[in-house]
């Protein structure tokens, strides 16, 4: 079972790679529904940590979500995912949201999973 944050990010990225409009909208819808249970800080940190190409794809999906699912705008707004903020790129600034202590913790988690650090 994937972690909700990872699943949400995956759906946001993969939606923009879909050729069929209905599948793209379904992926975006699933991602938006998952937003309701995610911590806004975790989501912002994860978005900032995405590679630039994937970050751009996620942003396009989030921009589309605002128009596609008006009833979910409160969940999007709770995470600061309004059209104004998405357009200005506020969410994508590393300096604005990147917390060095969390980055170090994430690196340690990755190192532990890959076997570089023994528990």
N, C-alpha and C. Protein backbone atom coordinates (compact mmCIF):
# COMPACT_ATOMS: atom_id res chain seq x y z
N UNK A 1 0.85 -1.17 0.00
CA UNK A 1 0.00 0.00 0.00
C UNK A 1 0.90 1.24 0.00
N UNK A 2 0.74 2.13 -0.99
CA UNK A 2 1.59 3.32 -1.04
C UNK A 2 1.22 4.33 0.05
N UNK A 3 2.18 5.13 0.43
CA UNK A 3 1.90 6.22 1.37
C UNK A 3 1.02 7.23 0.64
N UNK A 4 0.06 7.84 1.32
CA UNK A 4 -0.84 8.79 0.66
C UNK A 4 -0.11 9.94 -0.04
N UNK A 5 0.94 10.47 0.58
CA UNK A 5 1.67 11.56 -0.04
C UNK A 5 2.31 11.11 -1.35
N UNK A 6 2.95 9.97 -1.34
CA UNK A 6 3.58 9.46 -2.56
C UNK A 6 2.55 9.17 -3.64
N UNK A 7 1.42 8.60 -3.23
CA UNK A 7 0.35 8.31 -4.18
C UNK A 7 -0.17 9.60 -4.82
N UNK A 8 -0.38 10.61 -4.01
CA UNK A 8 -0.87 11.89 -4.49
C UNK A 8 0.10 12.51 -5.51
N UNK A 9 1.36 12.54 -5.16
CA UNK A 9 2.36 13.10 -6.07
C UNK A 9 2.43 12.31 -7.37
N UNK A 10 2.38 10.98 -7.25
CA UNK A 10 2.41 10.13 -8.44
C UNK A 10 1.23 10.45 -9.36
N UNK A 11 0.04 10.58 -8.80
CA UNK A 11 -1.14 10.87 -9.60
C UNK A 11 -1.05 12.25 -10.26
N UNK A 12 -0.50 13.23 -9.55
CA UNK A 12 -0.35 14.56 -10.13
C UNK A 12 0.61 14.56 -11.31
N UNK A 13 1.68 13.81 -11.20
CA UNK A 13 2.68 13.75 -12.26
C UNK A 13 2.17 12.92 -13.44
N UNK A 14 1.66 11.75 -13.15
CA UNK A 14 1.26 10.83 -14.21
C UNK A 14 0.06 11.36 -14.99
N UNK A 15 -0.78 12.18 -14.36
CA UNK A 15 -1.95 12.73 -15.04
C UNK A 15 -1.56 13.50 -16.30
N UNK A 16 -0.47 14.23 -16.22
CA UNK A 16 -0.05 15.04 -17.37
C UNK A 16 0.58 14.21 -18.48
N UNK A 17 0.87 12.97 -18.20
CA UNK A 17 1.43 12.08 -19.22
C UNK A 17 0.35 11.25 -19.92
N UNK A 18 -0.87 11.35 -19.44
CA UNK A 18 -1.98 10.59 -20.02
C UNK A 18 -2.44 11.23 -21.33
N UNK A 19 -2.70 10.40 -22.32
CA UNK A 19 -3.20 10.89 -23.60
C UNK A 19 -4.71 11.11 -23.56
N UNK A 20 -5.41 10.24 -22.82
CA UNK A 20 -6.87 10.34 -22.76
C UNK A 20 -7.30 11.31 -21.66
N UNK A 21 -8.17 12.23 -22.05
CA UNK A 21 -8.63 13.28 -21.14
C UNK A 21 -9.33 12.71 -19.90
N UNK A 22 -10.18 11.69 -20.09
CA UNK A 22 -10.92 11.15 -18.96
C UNK A 22 -10.01 10.48 -17.94
N UNK A 23 -8.96 9.82 -18.39
CA UNK A 23 -8.01 9.20 -17.45
C UNK A 23 -7.20 10.27 -16.73
N UNK A 24 -6.83 11.34 -17.46
CA UNK A 24 -6.09 12.45 -16.85
C UNK A 24 -6.92 13.08 -15.73
N UNK A 25 -8.20 13.32 -16.01
CA UNK A 25 -9.07 13.94 -15.01
C UNK A 25 -9.28 13.01 -13.82
N UNK A 26 -9.37 11.72 -14.05
CA UNK A 26 -9.53 10.77 -12.95
C UNK A 26 -8.30 10.77 -12.04
N UNK A 27 -7.10 10.82 -12.64
CA UNK A 27 -5.88 10.87 -11.84
C UNK A 27 -5.83 12.14 -10.99
N UNK A 28 -6.19 13.26 -11.59
CA UNK A 28 -6.19 14.53 -10.85
C UNK A 28 -7.22 14.47 -9.73
N UNK A 29 -8.38 13.91 -10.02
CA UNK A 29 -9.44 13.80 -9.00
C UNK A 29 -8.97 12.95 -7.82
N UNK A 30 -8.32 11.84 -8.08
CA UNK A 30 -7.83 10.98 -7.00
C UNK A 30 -6.80 11.73 -6.16
N UNK A 31 -5.91 12.48 -6.81
CA UNK A 31 -4.90 13.24 -6.08
C UNK A 31 -5.54 14.30 -5.19
N UNK A 32 -6.55 14.98 -5.72
CA UNK A 32 -7.23 16.03 -4.96
C UNK A 32 -7.94 15.45 -3.74
N UNK A 33 -8.55 14.28 -3.89
CA UNK A 33 -9.22 13.64 -2.75
C UNK A 33 -8.23 13.26 -1.66
N UNK A 34 -7.03 12.86 -2.04
CA UNK A 34 -5.99 12.50 -1.07
C UNK A 34 -5.50 13.74 -0.32
N UNK A 35 -5.55 14.90 -0.97
CA UNK A 35 -5.09 16.14 -0.32
C UNK A 35 -5.77 16.37 1.02
N UNK A 36 -7.01 15.95 1.14
CA UNK A 36 -7.78 16.21 2.36
C UNK A 36 -7.13 15.59 3.60
N UNK A 37 -6.37 14.52 3.43
CA UNK A 37 -5.76 13.87 4.60
C UNK A 37 -4.28 14.20 4.77
N UNK A 38 -3.73 14.98 3.85
CA UNK A 38 -2.30 15.29 3.92
C UNK A 38 -2.03 16.56 4.72
N UNK A 39 -0.89 16.58 5.37
CA UNK A 39 -0.43 17.78 6.07
C UNK A 39 0.11 18.76 5.03
N UNK A 40 -0.36 20.01 5.02
CA UNK A 40 0.11 20.98 4.03
C UNK A 40 1.63 21.15 4.00
N UNK A 41 2.27 21.10 5.17
CA UNK A 41 3.73 21.27 5.20
C UNK A 41 4.43 20.11 4.51
N UNK A 42 3.94 18.90 4.75
CA UNK A 42 4.54 17.73 4.10
C UNK A 42 4.39 17.80 2.59
N UNK A 43 3.21 18.23 2.13
CA UNK A 43 2.98 18.33 0.70
C UNK A 43 3.89 19.38 0.07
N UNK A 44 3.98 20.55 0.69
CA UNK A 44 4.84 21.61 0.14
C UNK A 44 6.29 21.15 0.09
N UNK A 45 6.74 20.50 1.15
CA UNK A 45 8.12 20.02 1.18
C UNK A 45 8.34 18.99 0.06
N UNK A 46 7.39 18.08 -0.11
CA UNK A 46 7.53 17.05 -1.14
C UNK A 46 7.51 17.67 -2.54
N UNK A 47 6.68 18.67 -2.75
CA UNK A 47 6.64 19.33 -4.06
C UNK A 47 7.96 20.03 -4.36
N UNK A 48 8.53 20.66 -3.37
CA UNK A 48 9.80 21.36 -3.56
C UNK A 48 10.92 20.36 -3.87
N UNK A 49 10.83 19.19 -3.28
CA UNK A 49 11.88 18.18 -3.46
C UNK A 49 11.77 17.40 -4.77
N UNK A 50 10.67 17.56 -5.49
CA UNK A 50 10.53 16.88 -6.78
C UNK A 50 11.56 17.42 -7.77
N UNK A 51 12.01 16.59 -8.70
CA UNK A 51 12.86 17.09 -9.78
C UNK A 51 12.08 18.13 -10.60
N UNK A 52 12.76 19.07 -11.23
CA UNK A 52 12.08 20.18 -11.92
C UNK A 52 11.02 19.74 -12.93
N UNK A 53 11.29 18.74 -13.73
CA UNK A 53 10.32 18.29 -14.74
C UNK A 53 9.04 17.76 -14.08
N UNK A 54 9.21 16.96 -13.03
CA UNK A 54 8.04 16.42 -12.33
C UNK A 54 7.30 17.51 -11.57
N UNK A 55 8.04 18.47 -11.05
CA UNK A 55 7.41 19.60 -10.36
C UNK A 55 6.51 20.37 -11.32
N UNK A 56 6.99 20.56 -12.54
CA UNK A 56 6.21 21.26 -13.56
C UNK A 56 4.94 20.48 -13.92
N UNK A 57 5.05 19.17 -14.04
CA UNK A 57 3.89 18.34 -14.35
C UNK A 57 2.87 18.39 -13.20
N UNK A 58 3.35 18.32 -11.96
CA UNK A 58 2.46 18.39 -10.81
C UNK A 58 1.75 19.74 -10.76
N UNK A 59 2.47 20.80 -11.08
CA UNK A 59 1.87 22.14 -11.07
C UNK A 59 0.75 22.24 -12.10
N UNK A 60 0.97 21.68 -13.29
CA UNK A 60 -0.07 21.72 -14.32
C UNK A 60 -1.32 20.97 -13.86
N UNK A 61 -1.12 19.85 -13.20
CA UNK A 61 -2.28 19.09 -12.68
C UNK A 61 -3.02 19.88 -11.62
N UNK A 62 -2.27 20.54 -10.74
CA UNK A 62 -2.91 21.32 -9.67
C UNK A 62 -3.66 22.53 -10.23
N UNK A 63 -3.11 23.13 -11.28
CA UNK A 63 -3.80 24.25 -11.93
C UNK A 63 -5.11 23.77 -12.54
N UNK A 64 -5.08 22.59 -13.17
CA UNK A 64 -6.28 22.03 -13.78
C UNK A 64 -7.31 21.65 -12.72
N UNK A 65 -6.85 21.20 -11.57
CA UNK A 65 -7.76 20.75 -10.50
C UNK A 65 -8.69 21.86 -10.04
N UNK A 66 -8.20 23.08 -9.99
CA UNK A 66 -9.00 24.20 -9.52
C UNK A 66 -10.26 24.37 -10.38
N UNK A 67 -10.10 24.23 -11.70
CA UNK A 67 -11.23 24.39 -12.61
C UNK A 67 -12.07 23.12 -12.73
N UNK A 68 -11.42 21.97 -12.69
CA UNK A 68 -12.13 20.71 -12.88
C UNK A 68 -13.01 20.33 -11.69
N UNK A 69 -12.57 20.64 -10.48
CA UNK A 69 -13.27 20.20 -9.28
C UNK A 69 -13.55 21.36 -8.33
N UNK A 70 -14.52 22.22 -8.68
CA UNK A 70 -14.80 23.39 -7.85
C UNK A 70 -15.23 23.05 -6.42
N UNK A 71 -15.82 21.88 -6.22
CA UNK A 71 -16.24 21.50 -4.87
C UNK A 71 -15.06 21.15 -3.97
N UNK A 72 -13.92 20.93 -4.55
CA UNK A 72 -12.72 20.58 -3.78
C UNK A 72 -11.79 21.78 -3.59
N UNK A 73 -12.25 22.95 -3.94
CA UNK A 73 -11.40 24.14 -3.82
C UNK A 73 -10.98 24.42 -2.38
N UNK A 74 -11.81 24.06 -1.42
CA UNK A 74 -11.44 24.30 -0.02
C UNK A 74 -10.23 23.46 0.35
N UNK A 75 -10.18 22.21 -0.11
CA UNK A 75 -9.02 21.36 0.17
C UNK A 75 -7.78 21.91 -0.52
N UNK A 76 -7.95 22.38 -1.75
CA UNK A 76 -6.81 22.97 -2.47
C UNK A 76 -6.33 24.25 -1.77
N UNK A 77 -7.28 25.09 -1.35
CA UNK A 77 -6.92 26.34 -0.69
C UNK A 77 -6.25 26.09 0.65
N UNK A 78 -6.67 25.05 1.37
CA UNK A 78 -6.05 24.72 2.66
C UNK A 78 -4.55 24.44 2.50
N UNK A 79 -4.20 23.93 1.35
CA UNK A 79 -2.80 23.64 1.06
C UNK A 79 -2.11 24.81 0.35
N UNK A 80 -2.83 25.91 0.16
CA UNK A 80 -2.26 27.06 -0.52
C UNK A 80 -2.15 26.86 -2.02
N UNK A 81 -2.97 25.97 -2.57
CA UNK A 81 -2.90 25.64 -4.00
C UNK A 81 -3.95 26.43 -4.78
N UNK A 82 -3.91 27.74 -4.63
CA UNK A 82 -4.83 28.60 -5.36
C UNK A 82 -4.18 28.98 -6.69
N UNK A 83 -4.99 29.36 -7.69
CA UNK A 83 -4.41 29.73 -8.99
C UNK A 83 -3.37 30.84 -8.90
N UNK A 84 -3.61 31.82 -8.01
CA UNK A 84 -2.66 32.93 -7.89
C UNK A 84 -1.29 32.44 -7.41
N UNK A 85 -1.28 31.59 -6.40
CA UNK A 85 -0.03 31.09 -5.85
C UNK A 85 0.66 30.13 -6.82
N UNK A 86 -0.14 29.30 -7.49
CA UNK A 86 0.44 28.38 -8.46
C UNK A 86 1.06 29.13 -9.63
N UNK A 87 0.36 30.16 -10.09
CA UNK A 87 0.85 30.94 -11.23
C UNK A 87 2.13 31.70 -10.89
N UNK A 88 2.19 32.24 -9.69
CA UNK A 88 3.37 33.01 -9.28
C UNK A 88 4.55 32.11 -8.93
N UNK A 89 4.29 30.83 -8.77
CA UNK A 89 5.38 29.91 -8.45
C UNK A 89 5.80 29.95 -7.00
N UNK A 90 4.95 30.48 -6.13
CA UNK A 90 5.30 30.62 -4.72
C UNK A 90 5.61 29.27 -4.09
N UNK A 91 4.86 28.25 -4.47
CA UNK A 91 5.04 26.93 -3.85
C UNK A 91 6.31 26.22 -4.29
N UNK A 92 6.94 26.71 -5.31
CA UNK A 92 8.06 25.97 -5.89
C UNK A 92 9.40 26.55 -5.48
N UNK A 93 9.39 27.53 -4.59
CA UNK A 93 10.63 28.17 -4.15
C UNK A 93 11.26 27.37 -3.03
N UNK A 94 12.43 26.83 -3.26
CA UNK A 94 13.12 26.01 -2.26
C UNK A 94 13.37 26.78 -0.97
N UNK A 95 13.76 28.03 -1.08
CA UNK A 95 14.10 28.80 0.11
C UNK A 95 12.86 29.06 0.97
N UNK A 96 11.69 29.14 0.36
CA UNK A 96 10.49 29.47 1.12
C UNK A 96 10.02 28.33 2.01
N UNK A 97 10.21 27.08 1.58
CA UNK A 97 9.62 25.98 2.32
C UNK A 97 10.59 24.88 2.72
N UNK A 98 11.77 24.88 2.15
CA UNK A 98 12.69 23.80 2.46
C UNK A 98 13.24 23.97 3.87
N UNK A 99 13.00 23.01 4.70
CA UNK A 99 13.46 23.02 6.08
C UNK A 99 14.68 22.11 6.16
N UNK A 100 15.87 22.65 6.45
CA UNK A 100 17.09 21.83 6.45
C UNK A 100 17.01 20.62 7.37
N UNK A 101 16.35 20.74 8.51
CA UNK A 101 16.28 19.60 9.42
C UNK A 101 15.45 18.47 8.82
N UNK A 102 14.39 18.82 8.10
CA UNK A 102 13.57 17.79 7.45
C UNK A 102 14.33 17.17 6.29
N UNK A 103 15.10 17.99 5.56
CA UNK A 103 15.87 17.45 4.44
C UNK A 103 16.89 16.44 4.96
N UNK A 104 17.54 16.74 6.08
CA UNK A 104 18.50 15.83 6.66
C UNK A 104 17.81 14.54 7.10
N UNK A 105 16.65 14.67 7.74
CA UNK A 105 15.90 13.48 8.17
C UNK A 105 15.54 12.62 6.97
N UNK A 106 15.09 13.25 5.88
CA UNK A 106 14.73 12.50 4.68
C UNK A 106 15.95 11.79 4.11
N UNK A 107 17.10 12.46 4.10
CA UNK A 107 18.31 11.84 3.57
C UNK A 107 18.69 10.64 4.43
N UNK A 108 18.56 10.78 5.74
CA UNK A 108 18.86 9.65 6.62
C UNK A 108 17.90 8.49 6.37
N UNK A 109 16.61 8.80 6.15
CA UNK A 109 15.64 7.75 5.84
C UNK A 109 16.00 7.02 4.55
N UNK A 110 16.38 7.78 3.54
CA UNK A 110 16.76 7.19 2.26
C UNK A 110 18.01 6.34 2.42
N UNK A 111 18.98 6.84 3.17
CA UNK A 111 20.21 6.08 3.39
C UNK A 111 19.92 4.79 4.15
N UNK A 112 18.98 4.86 5.09
CA UNK A 112 18.63 3.66 5.86
C UNK A 112 17.97 2.62 4.97
N UNK A 113 17.07 3.07 4.11
CA UNK A 113 16.37 2.17 3.21
C UNK A 113 17.35 1.54 2.22
N UNK A 114 18.27 2.33 1.71
CA UNK A 114 19.22 1.81 0.72
C UNK A 114 20.33 0.98 1.34
N UNK A 115 20.40 0.94 2.66
CA UNK A 115 21.39 0.10 3.33
C UNK A 115 22.70 0.79 3.64
N UNK A 116 22.78 2.10 3.40
CA UNK A 116 24.01 2.82 3.70
C UNK A 116 24.21 3.00 5.20
N UNK A 117 23.10 3.00 5.94
CA UNK A 117 23.16 3.12 7.40
C UNK A 117 22.47 1.91 7.98
N UNK A 118 23.11 1.25 8.92
CA UNK A 118 22.50 0.10 9.56
C UNK A 118 21.79 0.55 10.82
N UNK A 119 20.63 -0.07 11.07
CA UNK A 119 19.84 0.30 12.26
C UNK A 119 20.20 -0.55 13.43
